């Protein structure tokens, strides 16, 4: 008897639950004012079915970019062993909008994030760090060779 493959939505949920870091793509204004992509590494924690929390410094370029354009992509990728083909790893690009949470409204997000990243407790108290919440709208999943699918966030479950 073979075990059935998990659904694509289950794969996305699993990656959202497991991944601690992600590549955040924001839009940066170029020298000629045309937008350019900017990608950075961020720590992440899942909050609810369709949201990802990040703790970002106001001094960071990605945070400055978010103030001008809240539309983002966030790449979550399964870790691979050194001898494995990284292109065979399960991964998902989450697309959506990011909002900065005022300190007085961040308790649930703060608790979820610090549970996953206890070493961030100190910087979470700095005045220039704020929790940001990504509201996922769509997920583009690559779950192996020939297994590629785009899902709406409504298909996600915790």
Protein backbone atom coordinates (compact mmCIF):
# COMPACT_ATOMS: atom_id res chain seq x y z
CA UNK A 1 0.00 0.00 0.00
CA UNK A 2 1.41 3.39 -0.97
CA UNK A 3 0.88 6.58 0.92
CA UNK A 4 -0.98 9.17 -1.14
CA UNK A 5 0.94 12.32 -2.01
CA UNK A 6 -0.07 15.35 0.04
CA UNK A 7 -2.19 17.91 -1.74
CA UNK A 8 -0.49 21.01 -3.11
CA UNK A 9 -2.24 23.11 -0.45
CA UNK A 10 -0.89 20.77 2.25
CA UNK A 11 2.64 21.18 0.83
CA UNK A 12 2.30 24.97 1.01
CA UNK A 13 1.00 24.80 4.58
CA UNK A 14 3.85 22.50 5.56
CA UNK A 15 6.45 24.87 4.11
CA UNK A 16 4.78 27.85 5.79
CA UNK A 17 4.89 26.02 9.13
CA UNK A 18 8.48 24.74 8.83
CA UNK A 19 10.43 27.52 7.15
CA UNK A 20 12.19 29.99 9.41
CA UNK A 21 13.80 32.14 6.70
CA UNK A 22 12.64 33.34 3.30
CA UNK A 23 13.66 35.54 0.40
CA UNK A 24 11.60 38.72 0.37
CA UNK A 25 11.19 40.52 -2.96
CA UNK A 26 10.15 44.17 -2.81
CA UNK A 27 10.08 46.97 -5.37
CA UNK A 28 12.79 49.60 -5.20
CA UNK A 29 12.72 52.88 -7.08
CA UNK A 30 15.63 53.05 -9.47
CA UNK A 31 17.84 56.03 -10.30
CA UNK A 32 15.53 56.83 -13.22
CA UNK A 33 12.44 56.23 -11.00
CA UNK A 34 11.55 52.97 -12.72
CA UNK A 35 10.91 50.13 -10.25
CA UNK A 36 13.55 47.48 -9.78
CA UNK A 37 13.31 44.20 -7.86
CA UNK A 38 15.12 43.99 -4.54
CA UNK A 39 15.50 40.67 -2.72
CA UNK A 40 16.62 40.17 0.86
CA UNK A 41 16.74 37.41 3.45
CA UNK A 42 14.20 37.68 6.29
CA UNK A 43 13.08 35.55 9.21
CA UNK A 44 9.44 34.46 9.07
CA UNK A 45 6.72 32.84 11.15
CA UNK A 46 3.28 31.72 10.10
CA UNK A 47 0.35 33.49 11.71
CA UNK A 48 -3.03 31.94 10.94
CA UNK A 49 -4.03 30.36 7.64
CA UNK A 50 -2.97 33.07 5.20
CA UNK A 51 -0.45 35.33 6.91
CA UNK A 52 3.30 35.41 7.49
CA UNK A 53 4.97 37.58 10.13
CA UNK A 54 8.34 39.30 9.76
CA UNK A 55 10.29 41.48 12.20
CA UNK A 56 11.88 44.26 10.16
CA UNK A 57 14.05 47.25 10.96
CA UNK A 58 12.97 50.64 9.67
CA UNK A 59 16.57 51.15 8.56
CA UNK A 60 16.50 48.18 6.16
CA UNK A 61 16.15 48.79 2.43
CA UNK A 62 13.29 46.28 2.12
CA UNK A 63 11.34 48.14 4.83
CA UNK A 64 11.86 51.45 3.04
CA UNK A 65 10.64 49.79 -0.16
CA UNK A 66 7.52 48.48 1.61
CA UNK A 67 6.62 51.99 2.72
CA UNK A 68 6.32 52.95 -0.96
CA UNK A 69 4.84 49.71 -2.33
CA UNK A 70 3.40 46.99 -0.05
CA UNK A 71 3.16 44.37 -2.84
CA UNK A 72 5.69 41.57 -2.29
CA UNK A 73 6.71 38.03 -3.13
CA UNK A 74 8.16 35.74 -0.50
CA UNK A 75 10.04 32.56 -1.47
CA UNK A 76 9.96 29.66 0.98
CA UNK A 77 12.17 26.69 0.10
CA UNK A 78 12.65 23.25 1.58
CA UNK A 79 16.16 22.65 2.86
CA UNK A 80 18.20 20.16 0.87
CA UNK A 81 21.21 18.07 1.74
CA UNK A 82 24.53 19.16 0.20
CA UNK A 83 24.46 16.33 -2.36
CA UNK A 84 20.80 16.83 -3.36
CA UNK A 85 19.67 18.74 -6.44
CA UNK A 86 18.40 22.11 -5.08
CA UNK A 87 16.13 22.47 -8.12
CA UNK A 88 14.24 19.37 -6.94
CA UNK A 89 13.38 20.98 -3.58
CA UNK A 90 9.78 21.82 -2.81
CA UNK A 91 9.24 25.58 -2.81
CA UNK A 92 6.50 28.16 -2.90
CA UNK A 93 6.40 31.79 -3.88
CA UNK A 94 3.79 33.60 -1.81
CA UNK A 95 2.40 36.79 -3.31
CA UNK A 96 0.51 39.45 -1.39
CA UNK A 97 0.59 42.69 0.54
CA UNK A 98 2.51 43.63 3.68
CA UNK A 99 1.32 45.92 6.48
CA UNK A 100 3.37 47.28 9.37
CA UNK A 101 1.76 46.70 12.75
CA UNK A 102 1.85 49.43 15.39
CA UNK A 103 3.51 48.23 18.62
CA UNK A 104 0.18 48.43 20.47
CA UNK A 105 -1.47 46.03 17.97
CA UNK A 106 1.24 43.40 17.53
CA UNK A 107 0.85 41.08 20.56
CA UNK A 108 -0.53 38.00 18.75
CA UNK A 109 1.97 38.34 15.93
CA UNK A 110 4.79 39.09 18.39
CA UNK A 111 4.01 35.94 20.40
CA UNK A 112 3.88 33.68 17.31
CA UNK A 113 7.08 35.14 15.86
CA UNK A 114 9.11 35.04 19.08
CA UNK A 115 8.02 31.46 19.76
CA UNK A 116 9.68 30.49 16.46
CA UNK A 117 12.58 32.97 16.81
CA UNK A 118 13.37 33.38 20.53
CA UNK A 119 16.76 34.96 19.73
CA UNK A 120 14.89 37.93 18.20
CA UNK A 121 13.40 38.92 21.57
CA UNK A 122 16.03 41.59 22.19
CA UNK A 123 15.73 43.38 18.85
CA UNK A 124 11.93 43.13 18.98
CA UNK A 125 12.14 45.73 21.74
CA UNK A 126 14.19 48.21 19.72
CA UNK A 127 12.27 51.30 18.63
CA UNK A 128 13.11 50.96 14.93
CA UNK A 129 11.91 47.33 14.66
CA UNK A 130 8.29 46.59 13.83
CA UNK A 131 6.36 43.45 13.11
CA UNK A 132 5.04 43.28 9.58
CA UNK A 133 2.29 40.96 8.43
CA UNK A 134 2.09 39.61 4.90
CA UNK A 135 -1.45 38.85 3.78
CA UNK A 136 -1.12 36.10 1.19
CA UNK A 137 -3.23 36.40 -1.94
CA UNK A 138 -1.75 33.68 -4.14
CA UNK A 139 0.79 30.85 -3.97
CA UNK A 140 2.92 29.52 -6.82
CA UNK A 141 4.10 26.03 -5.86
CA UNK A 142 6.84 23.86 -7.30
CA UNK A 143 6.56 20.47 -5.67
CA UNK A 144 8.80 18.38 -7.91
CA UNK A 145 9.32 17.75 -11.59
CA UNK A 146 6.12 18.54 -13.47
CA UNK A 147 4.23 19.37 -10.29
CA UNK A 148 3.65 23.10 -10.55
CA UNK A 149 0.47 24.83 -9.48
CA UNK A 150 -0.82 28.27 -8.58
CA UNK A 151 -3.33 28.39 -5.73
CA UNK A 152 -5.46 31.12 -4.20
CA UNK A 153 -4.84 31.77 -0.51
CA UNK A 154 -8.37 30.52 0.20
CA UNK A 155 -7.13 26.96 -0.33
CA UNK A 156 -4.68 27.15 2.61
CA UNK A 157 -5.31 25.58 6.00
CA UNK A 158 -3.26 25.60 9.19
